[in-house]
PDB file of N, CA and C in Angstrom:
ATOM      1  N   MET A   1     -33.742  10.579  41.117  1.00  0.00           N
ATOM      2  CA  MET A   1     -32.648  11.242  40.391  1.00  0.00           C
ATOM      3  C   MET A   1     -33.168  11.741  38.997  1.00  0.00           C
ATOM      4  N   ASP A   2     -34.078  11.096  38.460  1.00  0.00           N
ATOM      5  CA  ASP A   2     -34.682  11.517  37.149  1.00  0.00           C
ATOM      6  C   ASP A   2     -35.380  12.865  37.344  1.00  0.00           C
ATOM      7  N   ASP A   3     -36.041  13.089  38.525  1.00  0.00           N
ATOM      8  CA  ASP A   3     -36.638  14.275  38.734  1.00  0.00           C
ATOM      9  C   ASP A   3     -35.690  15.497  38.848  1.00  0.00           C
ATOM     10  N   ASP A   4     -34.556  15.240  39.419  1.00  0.00           N
ATOM     11  CA  ASP A   4     -33.494  16.224  39.509  1.00  0.00           C
ATOM     12  C   ASP A   4     -33.028  16.701  38.112  1.00  0.00           C
ATOM     13  N   LYS A   5     -32.847  15.660  37.236  1.00  0.00           N
ATOM     14  CA  LYS A   5     -32.349  16.017  35.903  1.00  0.00           C
ATOM     15  C   LYS A   5     -33.513  16.724  35.085  1.00  0.00           C
ATOM     16  N   TYR A   6     -34.654  16.276  35.340  1.00  0.00           N
ATOM     17  CA  TYR A   6     -35.783  16.966  34.627  1.00  0.00           C
ATOM     18  C   TYR A   6     -35.945  18.420  35.071  1.00  0.00           C
ATOM     19  N   PHE A   7     -35.761  18.628  36.415  1.00  0.00           N
ATOM     20  CA  PHE A   7     -35.791  19.969  36.907  1.00  0.00           C
ATOM     21  C   PHE A   7     -34.667  20.807  36.347  1.00  0.00           C
ATOM     22  N   GLU A   8     -33.468  20.297  36.234  1.00  0.00           N
ATOM     23  CA  GLU A   8     -32.335  21.012  35.682  1.00  0.00           C
ATOM     24  C   GLU A   8     -32.634  21.361  34.245  1.00  0.00           C
ATOM     25  N   TYR A   9     -33.224  20.398  33.551  1.00  0.00           N
ATOM     26  CA  TYR A   9     -33.517  20.601  32.161  1.00  0.00           C
ATOM     27  C   TYR A   9     -34.598  21.800  31.984  1.00  0.00           C
ATOM     28  N   LEU A  10     -35.631  21.784  32.850  1.00  0.00           N
ATOM     29  CA  LEU A  10     -36.571  22.881  32.784  1.00  0.00           C
ATOM     30  C   LEU A  10     -35.987  24.205  33.115  1.00  0.00           C
ATOM     31  N   VAL A  11     -35.091  24.216  34.064  1.00  0.00           N
ATOM     32  CA  VAL A  11     -34.362  25.461  34.422  1.00  0.00           C
ATOM     33  C   VAL A  11     -33.543  25.936  33.259  1.00  0.00           C
ATOM     34  N   SER A  12     -32.805  25.039  32.678  1.00  0.00           N
ATOM     35  CA  SER A  12     -31.992  25.433  31.588  1.00  0.00           C
ATOM     36  C   SER A  12     -32.752  25.925  30.366  1.00  0.00           C
ATOM     37  N   ILE A  13     -33.876  25.271  30.122  1.00  0.00           N
ATOM     38  CA  ILE A  13     -34.778  25.735  29.013  1.00  0.00           C
ATOM     39  C   ILE A  13     -35.299  27.149  29.314  1.00  0.00           C
ATOM     40  N   GLY A  14     -35.667  27.377  30.567  1.00  0.00           N
ATOM     41  CA  GLY A  14     -36.152  28.738  30.950  1.00  0.00           C
ATOM     42  C   GLY A  14     -35.029  29.744  30.886  1.00  0.00           C
ATOM     43  N   ALA A  15     -33.761  29.272  31.160  1.00  0.00           N
ATOM     44  CA  ALA A  15     -32.642  30.273  30.993  1.00  0.00           C
ATOM     45  C   ALA A  15     -32.253  30.553  29.548  1.00  0.00           C
ATOM     46  N   MET A  16     -32.735  29.590  28.644  1.00  0.00           N
ATOM     47  CA  MET A  16     -32.385  29.874  27.246  1.00  0.00           C
ATOM     48  C   MET A  16     -33.424  30.740  26.504  1.00  0.00           C
ATOM     49  N   ARG A  17     -34.520  30.980  27.138  1.00  0.00           N
ATOM     50  CA  ARG A  17     -35.565  31.780  26.477  1.00  0.00           C
ATOM     51  C   ARG A  17     -35.089  33.182  26.117  1.00  0.00           C
ATOM     52  N   PRO A  18     -34.303  33.910  26.957  1.00  0.00           N
ATOM     53  CA  PRO A  18     -33.757  35.151  26.565  1.00  0.00           C
ATOM     54  C   PRO A  18     -32.761  35.058  25.362  1.00  0.00           C
ATOM     55  N   GLU A  19     -32.053  33.969  25.330  1.00  0.00           N
ATOM     56  CA  GLU A  19     -31.103  33.771  24.262  1.00  0.00           C
ATOM     57  C   GLU A  19     -31.933  33.596  22.913  1.00  0.00           C
ATOM     58  N   GLU A  20     -32.992  32.891  22.982  1.00  0.00           N
ATOM     59  CA  GLU A  20     -33.848  32.729  21.734  1.00  0.00           C
ATOM     60  C   GLU A  20     -34.409  34.062  21.336  1.00  0.00           C
ATOM     61  N   ALA A  21     -34.833  34.906  22.279  1.00  0.00           N
ATOM     62  CA  ALA A  21     -35.441  36.185  21.924  1.00  0.00           C
ATOM     63  C   ALA A  21     -34.353  37.104  21.328  1.00  0.00           C
ATOM     64  N   GLN A  22     -33.150  37.020  21.873  1.00  0.00           N
ATOM     65  CA  GLN A  22     -32.096  37.804  21.312  1.00  0.00           C
ATOM     66  C   GLN A  22     -31.740  37.420  19.872  1.00  0.00           C
ATOM     67  N   MET A  23     -31.695  36.091  19.617  1.00  0.00           N
ATOM     68  CA  MET A  23     -31.502  35.641  18.295  1.00  0.00           C
ATOM     69  C   MET A  23     -32.600  36.029  17.341  1.00  0.00           C
ATOM     70  N   ALA A  24     -33.814  36.075  17.761  1.00  0.00           N
ATOM     71  CA  ALA A  24     -34.975  36.556  16.932  1.00  0.00           C
ATOM     72  C   ALA A  24     -34.801  38.083  16.663  1.00  0.00           C
ATOM     73  N   ARG A  25     -34.368  38.840  17.603  1.00  0.00           N
ATOM     74  CA  ARG A  25     -34.137  40.342  17.323  1.00  0.00           C
ATOM     75  C   ARG A  25     -33.032  40.423  16.350  1.00  0.00           C
ATOM     76  N   GLN A  26     -31.877  39.645  16.525  1.00  0.00           N
ATOM     77  CA  GLN A  26     -30.768  39.755  15.509  1.00  0.00           C
ATOM     78  C   GLN A  26     -31.267  39.376  14.090  1.00  0.00           C
ATOM     79  N   GLN A  27     -32.157  38.398  14.054  1.00  0.00           N
ATOM     80  CA  GLN A  27     -32.637  37.950  12.764  1.00  0.00           C
ATOM     81  C   GLN A  27     -33.463  39.017  12.103  1.00  0.00           C
ATOM     82  N   ALA A  28     -34.241  39.759  12.888  1.00  0.00           N
ATOM     83  CA  ALA A  28     -35.080  40.913  12.392  1.00  0.00           C
ATOM     84  C   ALA A  28     -34.143  42.023  11.912  1.00  0.00           C
ATOM     85  N   GLN A  29     -33.004  42.307  12.587  1.00  0.00           N
ATOM     86  CA  GLN A  29     -32.072  43.238  12.171  1.00  0.00           C
ATOM     87  C   GLN A  29     -31.392  42.956  10.853  1.00  0.00           C
ATOM     88  N   VAL A  30     -31.057  41.581  10.697  1.00  0.00           N
ATOM     89  CA  VAL A  30     -30.473  41.115   9.490  1.00  0.00           C
ATOM     90  C   VAL A  30     -31.442  41.255   8.312  1.00  0.00           C
ATOM     91  N   ASP A  31     -32.725  40.972   8.618  1.00  0.00           N
ATOM     92  CA  ASP A  31     -33.748  41.054   7.548  1.00  0.00           C
ATOM     93  C   ASP A  31     -33.872  42.542   7.087  1.00  0.00           C
ATOM     94  N   VAL A  32     -33.844  43.490   7.985  1.00  0.00           N
ATOM     95  CA  VAL A  32     -33.953  44.892   7.632  1.00  0.00           C
ATOM     96  C   VAL A  32     -32.741  45.312   6.801  1.00  0.00           C
ATOM     97  N   MET A  33     -31.503  44.839   7.238  1.00  0.00           N
ATOM     98  CA  MET A  33     -30.292  45.177   6.453  1.00  0.00           C
ATOM     99  C   MET A  33     -30.386  44.614   4.974  1.00  0.00           C
ATOM    100  N   ARG A  34     -30.891  43.409   4.943  1.00  0.00           N
ATOM    101  CA  ARG A  34     -31.050  42.721   3.597  1.00  0.00           C
ATOM    102  C   ARG A  34     -31.993  43.576   2.770  1.00  0.00           C
ATOM    103  N   ASP A  35     -33.117  43.960   3.374  1.00  0.00           N
ATOM    104  CA  ASP A  35     -34.105  44.771   2.573  1.00  0.00           C
ATOM    105  C   ASP A  35     -33.545  46.092   2.119  1.00  0.00           C
ATOM    106  N   ARG A  36     -32.767  46.711   2.990  1.00  0.00           N
ATOM    107  CA  ARG A  36     -32.152  48.002   2.662  1.00  0.00           C
ATOM    108  C   ARG A  36     -31.126  47.811   1.543  1.00  0.00           C
ATOM    109  N   SER A  37     -30.418  46.691   1.536  1.00  0.00           N
ATOM    110  CA  SER A  37     -29.490  46.515   0.502  1.00  0.00           C
ATOM    111  C   SER A  37     -30.159  46.163  -0.845  1.00  0.00           C
ATOM    112  N   ALA A  38     -31.389  45.771  -0.856  1.00  0.00           N
ATOM    113  CA  ALA A  38     -32.034  45.457  -2.082  1.00  0.00           C
ATOM    114  C   ALA A  38     -32.717  46.705  -2.773  1.00  0.00           C
ATOM    115  N   MET A  39     -32.860  47.772  -1.957  1.00  0.00           N
ATOM    116  CA  MET A  39     -33.424  49.035  -2.459  1.00  0.00           C
ATOM    117  C   MET A  39     -32.335  49.801  -3.211  1.00  0.00           C
ATOM    118  N   SER A  40     -32.638  50.214  -4.393  1.00  0.00           N
ATOM    119  CA  SER A  40     -31.621  50.988  -5.160  1.00  0.00           C
ATOM    120  C   SER A  40     -31.646  52.414  -4.700  1.00  0.00           C
ATOM    121  N   PRO A  41     -30.518  53.135  -4.725  1.00  0.00           N
ATOM    122  CA  PRO A  41     -30.490  54.525  -4.363  1.00  0.00           C
ATOM    123  C   PRO A  41     -31.213  55.374  -5.429  1.00  0.00           C
ATOM    124  N   GLU A  42     -31.902  56.389  -4.931  1.00  0.00           N
ATOM    125  CA  GLU A  42     -32.672  57.227  -5.855  1.00  0.00           C
ATOM    126  C   GLU A  42     -32.128  58.685  -5.818  1.00  0.00           C
ATOM    127  N   GLY A  43     -32.236  59.333  -6.930  1.00  0.00           N
ATOM    128  CA  GLY A  43     -31.894  60.732  -7.030  1.00  0.00           C
ATOM    129  C   GLY A  43     -32.977  61.547  -6.421  1.00  0.00           C
ATOM    130  N   GLN A  44     -32.723  62.821  -6.272  1.00  0.00           N
ATOM    131  CA  GLN A  44     -33.745  63.722  -5.704  1.00  0.00           C
ATOM    132  C   GLN A  44     -33.845  64.971  -6.503  1.00  0.00           C
ATOM    133  N   MET A  45     -34.928  65.571  -6.477  1.00  0.00           N
ATOM    134  CA  MET A  45     -35.182  66.928  -7.130  1.00  0.00           C
ATOM    135  C   MET A  45     -34.941  67.993  -6.141  1.00  0.00           C
ATOM    136  N   VAL A  46     -34.033  68.899  -6.476  1.00  0.00           N
ATOM    137  CA  VAL A  46     -33.748  70.024  -5.626  1.00  0.00           C
ATOM    138  C   VAL A  46     -34.121  71.288  -6.470  1.00  0.00           C
ATOM    139  N   GLY A  47     -35.208  71.832  -6.049  1.00  0.00           N
ATOM    140  CA  GLY A  47     -35.686  72.949  -6.873  1.00  0.00           C
ATOM    141  C   GLY A  47     -36.152  72.391  -8.260  1.00  0.00           C
ATOM    142  N   LYS A  48     -35.517  72.962  -9.280  1.00  0.00           N
ATOM    143  CA  LYS A  48     -35.785  72.407 -10.647  1.00  0.00           C
ATOM    144  C   LYS A  48     -34.698  71.504 -11.208  1.00  0.00           C
ATOM    145  N   HIS A  49     -33.789  71.142 -10.327  1.00  0.00           N
ATOM    146  CA  HIS A  49     -32.664  70.349 -10.730  1.00  0.00           C
ATOM    147  C   HIS A  49     -32.693  69.033 -10.139  1.00  0.00           C
ATOM    148  N   TYR A  50     -32.301  68.038 -10.942  1.00  0.00           N
ATOM    149  CA  TYR A  50     -32.270  66.629 -10.483  1.00  0.00           C
ATOM    150  C   TYR A  50     -30.846  66.380  -9.986  1.00  0.00           C
ATOM    151  N   VAL A  51     -30.725  65.855  -8.775  1.00  0.00           N
ATOM    152  CA  VAL A  51     -29.409  65.486  -8.166  1.00  0.00           C
ATOM    153  C   VAL A  51     -29.352  63.940  -8.196  1.00  0.00           C
ATOM    154  N   ALA A  52     -28.352  63.409  -8.938  1.00  0.00           N
ATOM    155  CA  ALA A  52     -28.162  61.989  -9.003  1.00  0.00           C
ATOM    156  C   ALA A  52     -27.705  61.393  -7.673  1.00  0.00           C
ATOM    157  N   PRO A  53     -27.957  60.056  -7.491  1.00  0.00           N
ATOM    158  CA  PRO A  53     -27.423  59.465  -6.218  1.00  0.00           C
ATOM    159  C   PRO A  53     -25.947  59.529  -6.103  1.00  0.00           C
ATOM    160  N   SER A  54     -25.457  59.712  -4.918  1.00  0.00           N
ATOM    161  CA  SER A  54     -24.001  59.756  -4.689  1.00  0.00           C
ATOM    162  C   SER A  54     -23.450  58.359  -4.589  1.00  0.00           C
ATOM    163  N   PHE A  55     -22.173  58.311  -4.848  1.00  0.00           N
ATOM    164  CA  PHE A  55     -21.447  57.042  -4.809  1.00  0.00           C
ATOM    165  C   PHE A  55     -21.454  56.480  -3.345  1.00  0.00           C
ATOM    166  N   THR A  56     -21.633  57.362  -2.346  1.00  0.00           N
ATOM    167  CA  THR A  56     -21.665  56.875  -0.966  1.00  0.00           C
ATOM    168  C   THR A  56     -22.977  56.143  -0.738  1.00  0.00           C
ATOM    169  N   GLN A  57     -24.027  56.461  -1.448  1.00  0.00           N
ATOM    170  CA  GLN A  57     -25.221  55.741  -1.262  1.00  0.00           C
ATOM    171  C   GLN A  57     -25.083  54.355  -1.832  1.00  0.00           C
ATOM    172  N   TYR A  58     -24.389  54.195  -2.958  1.00  0.00           N
ATOM    173  CA  TYR A  58     -24.115  52.851  -3.387  1.00  0.00           C
ATOM    174  C   TYR A  58     -23.188  52.076  -2.467  1.00  0.00           C
ATOM    175  N   ALA A  59     -22.237  52.730  -1.957  1.00  0.00           N
ATOM    176  CA  ALA A  59     -21.318  52.096  -0.975  1.00  0.00           C
ATOM    177  C   ALA A  59     -22.086  51.654   0.247  1.00  0.00           C
ATOM    178  N   GLY A  60     -22.992  52.473   0.713  1.00  0.00           N
ATOM    179  CA  GLY A  60     -23.864  52.067   1.871  1.00  0.00           C
ATOM    180  C   GLY A  60     -24.754  50.889   1.585  1.00  0.00           C
ATOM    181  N   GLN A  61     -25.209  50.767   0.311  1.00  0.00           N
ATOM    182  CA  GLN A  61     -25.990  49.680  -0.103  1.00  0.00           C
ATOM    183  C   GLN A  61     -25.138  48.419  -0.055  1.00  0.00           C
ATOM    184  N   LEU A  62     -23.913  48.410  -0.542  1.00  0.00           N
ATOM    185  CA  LEU A  62     -22.985  47.298  -0.468  1.00  0.00           C
ATOM    186  C   LEU A  62     -22.640  46.908   0.971  1.00  0.00           C
ATOM    187  N   LEU A  63     -22.505  47.862   1.820  1.00  0.00           N
ATOM    188  CA  LEU A  63     -22.098  47.585   3.159  1.00  0.00           C
ATOM    189  C   LEU A  63     -23.309  46.931   3.883  1.00  0.00           C
ATOM    190  N   ASN A  64     -24.537  47.369   3.616  1.00  0.00           N
ATOM    191  CA  ASN A  64     -25.703  46.685   4.156  1.00  0.00           C
ATOM    192  C   ASN A  64     -25.825  45.266   3.728  1.00  0.00           C
ATOM    193  N   ALA A  65     -25.519  45.012   2.420  1.00  0.00           N
ATOM    194  CA  ALA A  65     -25.598  43.612   1.923  1.00  0.00           C
ATOM    195  C   ALA A  65     -24.513  42.736   2.552  1.00  0.00           C
ATOM    196  N   TYR A  66     -23.307  43.316   2.785  1.00  0.00           N
ATOM    197  CA  TYR A  66     -22.200  42.553   3.387  1.00  0.00           C
ATOM    198  C   TYR A  66     -22.542  42.298   4.926  1.00  0.00           C
ATOM    199  N   GLY A  67     -23.035  43.269   5.592  1.00  0.00           N
ATOM    200  CA  GLY A  67     -23.425  43.142   6.980  1.00  0.00           C
ATOM    201  C   GLY A  67     -24.547  42.125   7.170  1.00  0.00           C
ATOM    202  N   ALA A  68     -25.530  42.180   6.261  1.00  0.00           N
ATOM    203  CA  ALA A  68     -26.565  41.165   6.331  1.00  0.00           C
ATOM    204  C   ALA A  68     -26.093  39.708   6.134  1.00  0.00           C
ATOM    205  N   ARG A  69     -25.178  39.538   5.168  1.00  0.00           N
ATOM    206  CA  ARG A  69     -24.659  38.202   4.889  1.00  0.00           C
ATOM    207  C   ARG A  69     -23.812  37.712   6.103  1.00  0.00           C
ATOM    208  N   LYS A  70     -23.021  38.598   6.655  1.00  0.00           N
ATOM    209  CA  LYS A  70     -22.150  38.231   7.754  1.00  0.00           C
ATOM    210  C   LYS A  70     -23.033  37.960   9.017  1.00  0.00           C
ATOM    211  N   GLY A  71     -24.031  38.724   9.234  1.00  0.00           N
ATOM    212  CA  GLY A  71     -24.952  38.586  10.389  1.00  0.00           C
ATOM    213  C   GLY A  71     -25.684  37.267  10.283  1.00  0.00           C
ATOM    214  N   GLN A  72     -26.184  36.915   9.090  1.00  0.00           N
ATOM    215  CA  GLN A  72     -26.880  35.702   8.819  1.00  0.00           C
ATOM    216  C   GLN A  72     -25.993  34.510   9.114  1.00  0.00           C
ATOM    217  N   LYS A  73     -24.804  34.634   8.718  1.00  0.00           N
ATOM    218  CA  LYS A  73     -23.812  33.477   8.978  1.00  0.00           C
ATOM    219  C   LYS A  73     -23.617  33.255  10.481  1.00  0.00           C
ATOM    220  N   GLN A  74     -23.464  34.410  11.190  1.00  0.00           N
ATOM    221  CA  GLN A  74     -23.265  34.287  12.646  1.00  0.00           C
ATOM    222  C   GLN A  74     -24.527  33.785  13.351  1.00  0.00           C
ATOM    223  N   LEU A  75     -25.647  34.130  12.840  1.00  0.00           N
ATOM    224  CA  LEU A  75     -26.898  33.660  13.472  1.00  0.00           C
ATOM    225  C   LEU A  75     -27.062  32.138  13.228  1.00  0.00           C
ATOM    226  N   GLU A  76     -26.716  31.694  12.004  1.00  0.00           N
ATOM    227  CA  GLU A  76     -26.834  30.235  11.735  1.00  0.00           C
ATOM    228  C   GLU A  76     -25.888  29.449  12.696  1.00  0.00           C
ATOM    229  N   GLU A  77     -24.716  29.981  12.974  1.00  0.00           N
ATOM    230  CA  GLU A  77     -23.796  29.322  13.870  1.00  0.00           C
ATOM    231  C   GLU A  77     -24.361  29.300  15.353  1.00  0.00           C
ATOM    232  N   LYS A  78     -25.027  30.405  15.708  1.00  0.00           N
ATOM    233  CA  LYS A  78     -25.666  30.481  17.007  1.00  0.00           C
ATOM    234  C   LYS A  78     -26.794  29.446  17.156  1.00  0.00           C
ATOM    235  N   TYR A  79     -27.579  29.391  16.125  1.00  0.00           N
ATOM    236  CA  TYR A  79     -28.711  28.439  16.141  1.00  0.00           C
ATOM    237  C   TYR A  79     -28.216  26.969  16.165  1.00  0.00           C
ATOM    238  N   GLN A  80     -27.097  26.718  15.498  1.00  0.00           N
ATOM    239  CA  GLN A  80     -26.605  25.380  15.442  1.00  0.00           C
ATOM    240  C   GLN A  80     -26.062  24.976  16.893  1.00  0.00           C
ATOM    241  N   ASP A  81     -25.371  25.955  17.479  1.00  0.00           N
ATOM    242  CA  ASP A  81     -24.850  25.769  18.870  1.00  0.00           C
ATOM    243  C   ASP A  81     -25.958  25.625  19.818  1.00  0.00           C
ATOM    244  N   PHE A  82     -26.984  26.400  19.750  1.00  0.00           N
ATOM    245  CA  PHE A  82     -28.187  26.335  20.569  1.00  0.00           C
ATOM    246  C   PHE A  82     -28.822  25.001  20.472  1.00  0.00           C
ATOM    247  N   ASN A  83     -29.112  24.586  19.218  1.00  0.00           N
ATOM    248  CA  ASN A  83     -29.733  23.364  18.967  1.00  0.00           C
ATOM    249  C   ASN A  83     -28.914  22.114  19.495  1.00  0.00           C
ATOM    250  N   ALA A  84     -27.589  22.171  19.283  1.00  0.00           N
ATOM    251  CA  ALA A  84     -26.721  21.131  19.807  1.00  0.00           C
ATOM    252  C   ALA A  84     -26.785  21.031  21.330  1.00  0.00           C
ATOM    253  N   ARG A  85     -26.825  22.193  22.028  1.00  0.00           N
ATOM    254  CA  ARG A  85     -26.936  22.142  23.451  1.00  0.00           C
ATOM    255  C   ARG A  85     -28.275  21.505  23.979  1.00  0.00           C
ATOM    256  N   GLN A  86     -29.387  21.930  23.253  1.00  0.00           N
ATOM    257  CA  GLN A  86     -30.635  21.369  23.699  1.00  0.00           C
ATOM    258  C   GLN A  86     -30.687  19.860  23.427  1.00  0.00           C
ATOM    259  N   GLU A  87     -30.160  19.460  22.234  1.00  0.00           N
ATOM    260  CA  GLU A  87     -30.051  17.970  21.904  1.00  0.00           C
ATOM    261  C   GLU A  87     -29.299  17.226  23.002  1.00  0.00           C
ATOM    262  N   ALA A  88     -28.159  17.823  23.435  1.00  0.00           N
ATOM    263  CA  ALA A  88     -27.280  17.157  24.423  1.00  0.00           C
ATOM    264  C   ALA A  88     -28.062  17.002  25.748  1.00  0.00           C
ATOM    265  N   MET A  89     -28.878  18.083  26.097  1.00  0.00           N
ATOM    266  CA  MET A  89     -29.600  17.965  27.344  1.00  0.00           C
ATOM    267  C   MET A  89     -30.718  16.924  27.279  1.00  0.00           C
ATOM    268  N   LEU A  90     -31.403  16.858  26.093  1.00  0.00           N
ATOM    269  CA  LEU A  90     -32.427  15.873  25.916  1.00  0.00           C
ATOM    270  C   LEU A  90     -31.805  14.442  25.978  1.00  0.00           C
ATOM    271  N   ARG A  91     -30.661  14.294  25.354  1.00  0.00           N
ATOM    272  CA  ARG A  91     -30.051  12.958  25.403  1.00  0.00           C
ATOM    273  C   ARG A  91     -29.674  12.595  26.890  1.00  0.00           C
ATOM    274  N   ALA A  92     -29.208  13.554  27.577  1.00  0.00           N
ATOM    275  CA  ALA A  92     -28.844  13.281  29.016  1.00  0.00           C
ATOM    276  C   ALA A  92     -30.068  12.900  29.806  1.00  0.00           C
ATOM    277  N   LEU A  93     -31.202  13.432  29.475  1.00  0.00           N
ATOM    278  CA  LEU A  93     -32.404  13.091  30.180  1.00  0.00           C
ATOM    279  C   LEU A  93     -32.961  11.685  29.784  1.00  0.00           C
ATOM    280  N   ARG A  94     -32.740  11.340  28.542  1.00  0.00           N
ATOM    281  CA  ARG A  94     -33.226  10.073  28.081  1.00  0.00           C
ATOM    282  C   ARG A  94     -32.281   8.879  28.406  1.00  0.00           C
ATOM    283  N   LYS A  95     -31.061   9.120  28.585  1.00  0.00           N
ATOM    284  CA  LYS A  95     -30.101   8.048  28.788  1.00  0.00           C
ATOM    285  C   LYS A  95     -30.461   7.122  29.958  1.00  0.00           C
ATOM    286  N   PRO A  96     -30.770   7.580  31.082  1.00  0.00           N
ATOM    287  CA  PRO A  96     -31.188   6.639  32.193  1.00  0.00           C
ATOM    288  C   PRO A  96     -32.394   5.855  31.782  1.00  0.00           C
ATOM    289  N   ARG A  97     -33.311   6.367  31.057  1.00  0.00           N
ATOM    290  CA  ARG A  97     -34.585   5.633  30.698  1.00  0.00           C
ATOM    291  C   ARG A  97     -34.319   4.548  29.741  1.00  0.00           C
ATOM    292  N   ASN A  98     -33.266   4.650  28.933  1.00  0.00           N
ATOM    293  CA  ASN A  98     -33.033   3.635  27.861  1.00  0.00           C
ATOM    294  C   ASN A  98     -32.164   2.447  28.411  1.00  0.00           C
ATOM    295  N   MET A  99     -31.675   2.561  29.633  1.00  0.00           N
ATOM    296  CA  MET A  99     -30.863   1.493  30.135  1.00  0.00           C
ATOM    297  C   MET A  99     -31.728   0.276  30.388  1.00  0.00           C
ATOM    298  N   ALA A 100     -31.307  -0.853  29.994  1.00  0.00           N
ATOM    299  CA  ALA A 100     -32.110  -2.064  30.110  1.00  0.00           C
ATOM    300  C   ALA A 100     -32.023  -2.593  31.495  1.00  0.00           C
ATOM    301  N   ALA A 101     -33.139  -2.989  32.065  1.00  0.00           N
ATOM    302  CA  ALA A 101     -33.131  -3.543  33.427  1.00  0.00           C
ATOM    303  C   ALA A 101     -32.638  -5.034  33.314  1.00  0.00           C
ATOM    304  N   ASN A 102     -32.964  -5.635  32.165  1.00  0.00           N
ATOM    305  CA  ASN A 102     -32.639  -7.023  31.939  1.00  0.00           C
ATOM    306  C   ASN A 102     -31.435  -7.074  30.991  1.00  0.00           C
ATOM    307  N   PRO A 103     -30.372  -7.730  31.280  1.00  0.00           N
ATOM    308  CA  PRO A 103     -29.177  -7.763  30.336  1.00  0.00           C
ATOM    309  C   PRO A 103     -29.549  -8.346  29.028  1.00  0.00           C
ATOM    310  N   MET A 104     -30.603  -9.189  28.974  1.00  0.00           N
ATOM    311  CA  MET A 104     -30.975  -9.836  27.705  1.00  0.00           C
ATOM    312  C   MET A 104     -31.738  -8.844  26.767  1.00  0.00           C
ATOM    313  N   GLU A 105     -32.159  -7.744  27.229  1.00  0.00           N
ATOM    314  CA  GLU A 105     -32.875  -6.797  26.464  1.00  0.00           C
ATOM    315  C   GLU A 105     -31.915  -6.022  25.659  1.00  0.00           C
ATOM    316  N   GLU A 106     -32.268  -5.661  24.393  1.00  0.00           N
ATOM    317  CA  GLU A 106     -31.444  -4.943  23.578  1.00  0.00           C
ATOM    318  C   GLU A 106     -32.203  -3.697  23.066  1.00  0.00           C
ATOM    319  N   GLU A 107     -31.465  -2.681  22.625  1.00  0.00           N
ATOM    320  CA  GLU A 107     -32.096  -1.498  22.157  1.00  0.00           C
ATOM    321  C   GLU A 107     -32.076  -1.624  20.557  1.00  0.00           C
ATOM    322  N   GLU A 108     -33.127  -1.060  20.039  1.00  0.00           N
ATOM    323  CA  GLU A 108     -33.226  -1.057  18.506  1.00  0.00           C
ATOM    324  C   GLU A 108     -33.841   0.306  18.111  1.00  0.00           C
ATOM    325  N   GLU A 109     -33.217   0.915  17.098  1.00  0.00           N
ATOM    326  CA  GLU A 109     -33.772   2.152  16.566  1.00  0.00           C
ATOM    327  C   GLU A 109     -34.705   1.877  15.473  1.00  0.00           C
ATOM    328  N   ASP A 110     -35.932   2.546  15.562  1.00  0.00           N
ATOM    329  CA  ASP A 110     -36.796   2.363  14.455  1.00  0.00           C
ATOM    330  C   ASP A 110     -36.533   3.392  13.376  1.00  0.00           C
ATOM    331  N   PHE A 111     -37.406   3.502  12.386  1.00  0.00           N
ATOM    332  CA  PHE A 111     -37.149   4.326  11.250  1.00  0.00           C
ATOM    333  C   PHE A 111     -37.113   5.822  11.572  1.00  0.00           C
ATOM    334  N   MET A 112     -37.652   6.234  12.725  1.00  0.00           N
ATOM    335  CA  MET A 112     -37.689   7.671  13.077  1.00  0.00           C
ATOM    336  C   MET A 112     -36.565   7.951  14.076  1.00  0.00           C
ATOM    337  N   GLY A 113     -35.738   6.997  14.406  1.00  0.00           N
ATOM    338  CA  GLY A 113     -34.626   7.283  15.307  1.00  0.00           C
ATOM    339  C   GLY A 113     -34.970   7.088  16.740  1.00  0.00           C
ATOM    340  N   ILE A 114     -36.197   6.514  17.047  1.00  0.00           N
ATOM    341  CA  ILE A 114     -36.626   6.385  18.351  1.00  0.00           C
ATOM    342  C   ILE A 114     -36.158   4.928  18.849  1.00  0.00           C
ATOM    343  N   ARG A 115     -35.544   4.910  20.002  1.00  0.00           N
ATOM    344  CA  ARG A 115     -35.082   3.614  20.525  1.00  0.00           C
ATOM    345  C   ARG A 115     -36.260   2.890  21.221  1.00  0.00           C
ATOM    346  N   SER A 116     -36.286   1.574  21.052  1.00  0.00           N
ATOM    347  CA  SER A 116     -37.290   0.799  21.735  1.00  0.00           C
ATOM    348  C   SER A 116     -36.595  -0.513  22.247  1.00  0.00           C
ATOM    349  N   MET A 117     -37.212  -1.030  23.230  1.00  0.00           N
ATOM    350  CA  MET A 117     -36.641  -2.212  23.967  1.00  0.00           C
ATOM    351  C   MET A 117     -37.369  -3.464  23.431  1.00  0.00           C
ATOM    352  N   TYR A 118     -36.646  -4.480  23.258  1.00  0.00           N
ATOM    353  CA  TYR A 118     -37.279  -5.783  22.890  1.00  0.00           C
ATOM    354  C   TYR A 118     -36.449  -6.855  23.428  1.00  0.00           C
ATOM    355  N   MET A 119     -37.098  -8.030  23.502  1.00  0.00           N
ATOM    356  CA  MET A 119     -36.349  -9.269  23.975  1.00  0.00           C
ATOM    357  C   MET A 119     -36.060 -10.069  22.766  1.00  0.00           C
ATOM    358  N   PRO A 120     -34.842 -10.577  22.647  1.00  0.00           N
ATOM    359  CA  PRO A 120     -34.403 -11.423  21.499  1.00  0.00           C
ATOM    360  C   PRO A 120     -35.114 -12.722  21.480  1.00  0.00           C
TER     361      PRO A 120
END
């Protein structure tokens, strides 16, 4: 039965790889938006005349900053959900292994959160 759960875990991890790649692409998009929002609008020379930046360029800069902040928040929520699902799968795999064969055995967590078996 442990082999079946281990196989299901491996399949689910393989199924999550595209999700991780998608989150990485979204993170790259958020980074580009954040970089664009940090760049200040510049005026241009048209012939011998200087044309100042338009207010729409400033508005676009603000929208990039807002989109980057909102996208980063959504990505953080996705990563938290993703990590929670992986942790739940790992706990499901470890649960049968932690069951004591002897009722006198007890579980104890060490300083790193790893459970170990000992006899009282």
